[in-house]
Amino acid sequence: MAMVKNESLARMVMLICFGTAILSVAIHWRITTTQGQFKKPASTIASRPGDVYTGGLGETAFGASTPPNKTNQRASQTKSSAMESHNSSDTVNQNVALTTNTPEKSKLLTPEIKQKANASEQPRSIFSQIFTQNKSSNQKGKINKQVVVDLSDRRTYVYKGDLVIASYPIAVGKKGWETPTGTFEVNDKQHDPIWRHPITGKIFPPGSDSPLGERWIGFWSDGRNEIGFHGTPDIHLLGAAISHGCLRMRNSDVRLLYEQVGVGMKVVVRE
């Protein structure tokens, strides 16, 4: 009877020991599994190029594939990068946001681009604005200003837009040497011009008796002969058809016209 009790006691002790061992193994396995879920192997991080891994203390590392012969170099660089990231975590976090979030990058850059665009559209100073306005006004004045010659009236008119700002009596071309009609442009201006007679070829130097007077304003040429406005000492011939196609004017009038017109200005000659 005593032997039976001893065998039963021995079996109970063995079962308790066996159960305790199994429980210990199960607890150890559970702890190991739980730790593995929170800790990612370093080999997994390095094997995925382009991943962003955030470790402890605000460290930021960018995963990239590294050649085998540069493993030691990469280890030292990673340590240095981690320390630098820890010291300037705000800057690194902003760079990560710009790298991994394209819409956020566009959102951050849009105000800067818009500010530059607005700055380029505005004048730099009040002087620049005044200069631009004056330049536009001068260009507009040149475009709207023109000279109109009315052969039947024997007069020349200077227009600024629709307004006549000056009018001068003229002599026009005689029969066989009629002043050409049409639309032309001023192409030549001279002080005290020299004239060559179109038939005899005689040269007349400038002076008080010069047939061209004190100013020349040319607007037509066939490559040999030219036609334009010029002064004349024979003011009693104004209003007649007496010239070789040119428009004769008083010297005082042609000086004024000379100041009112520029090269390129339109000249309209009509019957």
Protein backbone atom coordinates (compact mmCIF):
# COMPACT_ATOMS: atom_id res chain seq x y z
CA MET A 1 0.00 0.00 0.00
CA ALA A 2 2.90 2.33 0.79
CA MET A 3 4.50 1.60 -2.59
CA VAL A 4 1.32 2.56 -4.42
CA LYS A 5 1.18 5.93 -2.62
CA ASN A 6 4.83 6.62 -3.39
CA GLU A 7 4.31 5.90 -7.13
CA SER A 8 1.29 8.20 -7.25
CA LEU A 9 3.23 10.99 -5.57
CA ALA A 10 6.15 10.55 -7.97
CA ARG A 11 3.83 10.78 -10.98
CA MET A 12 2.24 13.97 -9.68
CA VAL A 13 5.68 15.55 -9.18
CA MET A 14 6.70 14.60 -12.75
CA LEU A 15 3.50 16.04 -14.20
CA ILE A 16 3.98 19.31 -12.31
CA CYS A 17 7.59 19.59 -13.50
CA PHE A 18 6.63 18.81 -17.09
CA GLY A 19 3.79 21.36 -17.04
CA THR A 20 6.07 24.00 -15.59
CA ALA A 21 8.60 23.42 -18.37
CA ILE A 22 5.95 23.67 -21.07
CA LEU A 23 4.59 26.91 -19.53
CA SER A 24 8.08 28.44 -19.43
CA VAL A 25 8.69 27.62 -23.09
CA ALA A 26 5.32 29.14 -24.07
CA ILE A 27 5.98 32.35 -22.12
CA HIS A 28 9.47 32.73 -23.69
CA TRP A 29 8.06 32.21 -27.19
CA ARG A 30 5.34 34.79 -26.59
CA ILE A 31 7.87 37.43 -25.39
CA THR A 32 10.15 36.81 -28.37
CA THR A 33 7.25 37.15 -30.84
CA THR A 34 6.02 40.41 -29.27
CA GLN A 35 9.48 42.03 -29.45
CA GLY A 36 9.85 41.05 -33.10
CA GLN A 37 6.69 42.99 -34.01
CA PHE A 38 8.12 46.29 -32.68
CA LYS A 39 11.66 45.91 -33.92
CA LYS A 40 12.36 45.71 -37.69
CA PRO A 41 15.60 44.06 -38.75
CA ALA A 42 18.22 46.41 -40.16
CA SER A 43 18.72 44.14 -43.15
CA THR A 44 15.08 44.70 -44.17
CA ILE A 45 15.47 48.51 -44.06
CA ALA A 46 18.65 48.52 -46.16
CA SER A 47 17.22 46.16 -48.74
CA ARG A 48 14.38 48.52 -49.75
CA PRO A 49 15.78 51.58 -51.60
CA GLY A 50 13.78 54.77 -51.19
CA ASP A 51 12.16 53.82 -47.80
CA VAL A 52 12.09 56.42 -45.03
CA TYR A 53 12.76 55.02 -41.55
CA THR A 54 12.33 57.04 -38.38
CA GLY A 55 14.25 55.65 -35.42
CA GLY A 56 14.58 56.82 -31.88
CA LEU A 57 15.30 60.40 -30.76
CA GLY A 58 13.97 61.95 -33.99
CA GLU A 59 16.53 60.23 -36.22
CA THR A 60 15.70 60.05 -39.95
CA ALA A 61 17.42 57.74 -42.41
CA PHE A 62 16.88 57.33 -46.16
CA GLY A 63 17.25 53.74 -47.31
CA ALA A 64 19.38 53.08 -50.40
CA SER A 65 21.21 50.15 -51.90
CA THR A 66 24.95 50.25 -51.12
CA PRO A 67 27.72 48.40 -53.01
CA PRO A 68 29.49 45.75 -50.86
CA ASN A 69 32.84 47.58 -50.88
CA LYS A 70 31.27 50.70 -49.37
CA THR A 71 29.57 49.08 -46.35
CA ASN A 72 31.97 50.58 -43.79
CA GLN A 73 31.77 54.00 -45.40
CA ARG A 74 27.98 53.89 -45.34
CA ALA A 75 28.00 52.95 -41.64
CA SER A 76 30.00 56.07 -40.72
CA GLN A 77 27.89 58.30 -42.96
CA THR A 78 24.67 56.92 -41.47
CA LYS A 79 25.91 57.71 -37.96
CA SER A 80 26.85 61.27 -38.98
CA SER A 81 23.50 61.77 -40.73
CA ALA A 82 21.63 60.54 -37.66
CA MET A 83 23.43 63.06 -35.41
CA GLU A 84 22.79 65.90 -37.86
CA SER A 85 19.13 64.93 -38.15
CA HIS A 86 18.80 64.93 -34.37
CA ASN A 87 20.20 68.49 -34.17
CA SER A 88 17.94 69.87 -36.96
CA SER A 89 14.86 67.68 -36.89
CA ASP A 90 12.55 70.48 -38.08
CA THR A 91 14.55 71.00 -41.29
CA VAL A 92 14.75 67.28 -41.98
CA ASN A 93 11.03 66.79 -41.39
CA GLN A 94 10.29 69.59 -43.86
CA ASN A 95 12.60 68.02 -46.47
CA VAL A 96 10.89 64.66 -45.97
CA ALA A 97 7.50 66.29 -46.49
CA LEU A 98 8.69 67.93 -49.73
CA THR A 99 10.18 64.67 -50.98
CA THR A 100 7.29 62.36 -50.17
CA ASN A 101 4.33 64.70 -50.72
CA THR A 102 4.24 66.32 -54.17
CA PRO A 103 0.96 68.28 -53.65
CA GLU A 104 2.41 69.79 -50.45
CA LYS A 105 5.50 70.92 -52.40
CA SER A 106 3.37 72.67 -54.97
CA LYS A 107 1.35 74.27 -52.20
CA LEU A 108 4.48 75.62 -50.51
CA LEU A 109 6.01 77.01 -53.74
CA THR A 110 2.86 78.59 -55.15
CA PRO A 111 2.90 81.77 -52.97
CA GLU A 112 6.55 82.44 -53.86
CA ILE A 113 5.90 82.08 -57.58
CA LYS A 114 2.80 84.25 -57.31
CA GLN A 115 4.75 86.94 -55.43
CA LYS A 116 7.46 87.01 -58.13
CA ALA A 117 4.82 87.23 -60.88
CA ASN A 118 3.10 90.14 -59.13
CA ALA A 119 6.43 91.92 -58.62
CA SER A 120 7.34 91.59 -62.32
CA GLU A 121 3.99 93.05 -63.38
CA GLN A 122 4.34 96.19 -61.23
CA PRO A 123 6.61 99.15 -62.12
CA ARG A 124 9.80 99.31 -60.07
CA SER A 125 9.37 102.97 -59.18
CA ILE A 126 7.25 106.01 -59.83
CA PHE A 127 9.94 107.29 -62.22
CA SER A 128 9.63 104.14 -64.34
CA GLN A 129 5.87 104.59 -64.48
CA ILE A 130 6.16 108.22 -65.55
CA PHE A 131 8.76 107.31 -68.20
CA THR A 132 6.50 104.57 -69.57
CA GLN A 133 3.53 106.92 -69.76
CA ASN A 134 5.55 109.61 -71.53
CA LYS A 135 6.94 107.07 -73.99
CA SER A 136 3.45 105.78 -74.77
CA SER A 137 2.20 109.34 -75.27
CA ASN A 138 5.07 110.17 -77.64
CA GLN A 139 4.52 107.01 -79.66
CA LYS A 140 0.81 107.73 -79.86
CA GLY A 141 1.56 111.29 -81.02
CA LYS A 142 3.86 110.05 -83.77
CA ILE A 143 1.31 107.54 -85.00
CA ASN A 144 -1.56 110.07 -85.14
CA LYS A 145 0.48 112.93 -86.60
CA GLN A 146 0.63 113.32 -90.39
CA VAL A 147 1.06 115.87 -93.18
CA VAL A 148 -1.69 116.34 -95.77
CA VAL A 149 -1.04 118.24 -99.03
CA ASP A 150 -4.11 119.54 -100.84
CA LEU A 151 -3.01 120.39 -104.38
CA SER A 152 -6.25 122.10 -105.30
CA ASP A 153 -6.06 124.39 -102.24
CA ARG A 154 -2.31 124.92 -102.71
CA ARG A 155 -1.84 124.35 -99.00
CA THR A 156 -0.09 121.94 -96.67
CA TYR A 157 -1.81 120.88 -93.41
CA VAL A 158 -0.26 119.27 -90.35
CA TYR A 159 -2.71 117.00 -88.51
CA LYS A 160 -2.51 115.64 -84.99
CA GLY A 161 -5.28 113.10 -84.93
CA ASP A 162 -8.29 114.89 -86.42
CA LEU A 163 -7.04 118.33 -85.42
CA VAL A 164 -5.23 120.68 -87.81
CA ILE A 165 -2.34 122.22 -85.87
CA ALA A 166 -0.70 124.10 -88.77
CA SER A 167 -1.39 125.21 -92.34
CA TYR A 168 1.03 126.69 -94.91
CA PRO A 169 0.64 128.04 -98.48
CA ILE A 170 2.66 126.24 -101.14
CA ALA A 171 3.56 126.25 -104.83
CA VAL A 172 3.09 122.90 -106.64
CA GLY A 173 4.42 121.13 -109.71
CA LYS A 174 3.77 122.59 -113.12
CA LYS A 175 2.31 120.75 -116.10
CA GLY A 176 4.53 117.88 -117.14
CA TRP A 177 6.16 118.00 -113.70
CA GLU A 178 3.09 117.39 -111.58
CA THR A 179 3.51 116.62 -107.90
CA PRO A 180 2.80 112.89 -107.44
CA THR A 181 -0.28 111.98 -105.43
CA GLY A 182 -0.61 109.15 -102.92
CA THR A 183 0.62 108.21 -99.46
CA PHE A 184 4.34 108.56 -98.70
CA GLU A 185 6.75 108.90 -95.79
CA VAL A 186 9.35 111.51 -94.91
CA ASN A 187 12.69 109.91 -95.84
CA ASP A 188 15.19 112.81 -95.76
CA LYS A 189 15.72 116.08 -93.86
CA GLN A 190 18.50 118.62 -94.52
CA HIS A 191 19.60 122.06 -93.38
CA ASP A 192 20.76 124.44 -96.14
CA PRO A 193 20.47 121.89 -98.97
CA ILE A 194 22.39 121.90 -102.27
CA TRP A 195 20.22 121.66 -105.41
CA ARG A 196 21.04 120.17 -108.79
CA HIS A 197 18.82 121.28 -111.68
CA PRO A 198 17.06 118.17 -113.05
CA ILE A 199 17.46 119.28 -116.71
CA THR A 200 20.71 121.24 -116.96
CA GLY A 201 22.49 119.52 -114.10
CA LYS A 202 23.72 122.85 -112.74
CA ILE A 203 24.60 122.84 -109.04
CA PHE A 204 23.20 125.58 -106.79
CA PRO A 205 25.03 125.93 -103.44
CA PRO A 206 23.16 126.87 -100.24
CA GLY A 207 22.63 130.54 -99.50
CA SER A 208 20.07 133.32 -99.53
CA ASP A 209 19.51 132.91 -103.29
CA SER A 210 19.31 129.07 -103.25
CA PRO A 211 16.20 127.72 -105.05
CA LEU A 212 15.80 125.20 -102.19
CA GLY A 213 15.91 127.83 -99.46
CA GLU A 214 16.94 126.91 -95.90
CA ARG A 215 15.37 123.45 -95.41
CA TRP A 216 14.67 120.26 -97.36
CA ILE A 217 12.06 117.61 -96.38
CA GLY A 218 12.04 114.79 -98.93
CA PHE A 219 9.26 112.16 -99.27
CA TRP A 220 9.54 110.77 -102.85
CA SER A 221 12.36 109.51 -105.09
CA ASP A 222 12.74 107.44 -108.23
CA GLY A 223 16.42 106.75 -107.51
CA ARG A 224 17.59 109.79 -109.45
CA ASN A 225 15.21 112.68 -108.83
CA GLU A 226 13.66 113.63 -105.49
CA ILE A 227 10.52 115.52 -104.50
CA GLY A 228 9.83 117.20 -101.17
CA PHE A 229 9.13 120.42 -99.29
CA HIS A 230 11.68 123.22 -99.46
CA GLY A 231 12.00 126.96 -99.02
CA THR A 232 12.17 129.54 -101.75
CA PRO A 233 13.25 133.16 -102.09
CA ASP A 234 10.47 133.72 -104.66
CA ILE A 235 7.55 133.95 -102.25
CA HIS A 236 5.43 135.81 -104.85
CA LEU A 237 5.09 132.49 -106.72
CA LEU A 238 3.35 130.71 -103.82
CA GLY A 239 -0.07 129.39 -104.82
CA ALA A 240 1.05 128.74 -108.43
CA ALA A 241 1.90 125.53 -110.31
CA ILE A 242 5.50 126.46 -111.09
CA SER A 243 7.91 123.89 -109.63
CA HIS A 244 9.45 120.67 -110.95
CA GLY A 245 7.15 118.61 -108.71
CA CYS A 246 8.38 119.92 -105.37
CA LEU A 247 6.32 121.91 -102.86
CA ARG A 248 7.79 125.38 -102.36
CA MET A 249 7.26 127.25 -99.09
CA ARG A 250 8.36 130.43 -97.38
CA ASN A 251 11.63 129.90 -95.52
CA SER A 252 9.96 130.85 -92.22
CA ASP A 253 7.22 128.27 -92.86
CA VAL A 254 9.53 125.47 -93.95
CA ARG A 255 11.61 125.98 -90.79
CA LEU A 256 8.46 125.44 -88.70
CA LEU A 257 7.41 122.38 -90.73
CA TYR A 258 10.92 120.97 -90.37
CA GLU A 259 10.50 120.97 -86.57
CA GLN A 260 7.00 119.45 -86.73
CA VAL A 261 7.79 116.39 -88.82
CA GLY A 262 10.18 113.48 -88.47
CA VAL A 263 11.61 110.78 -90.67
CA GLY A 264 8.98 108.09 -91.18
CA MET A 265 6.00 110.43 -90.75
CA LYS A 266 3.15 109.91 -93.21
CA VAL A 267 2.65 112.41 -96.05
CA VAL A 268 -0.63 112.27 -97.95
CA VAL A 269 -0.80 114.18 -101.27
CA ARG A 270 -4.26 114.52 -102.78
CA GLU A 271 -5.84 116.47 -105.63
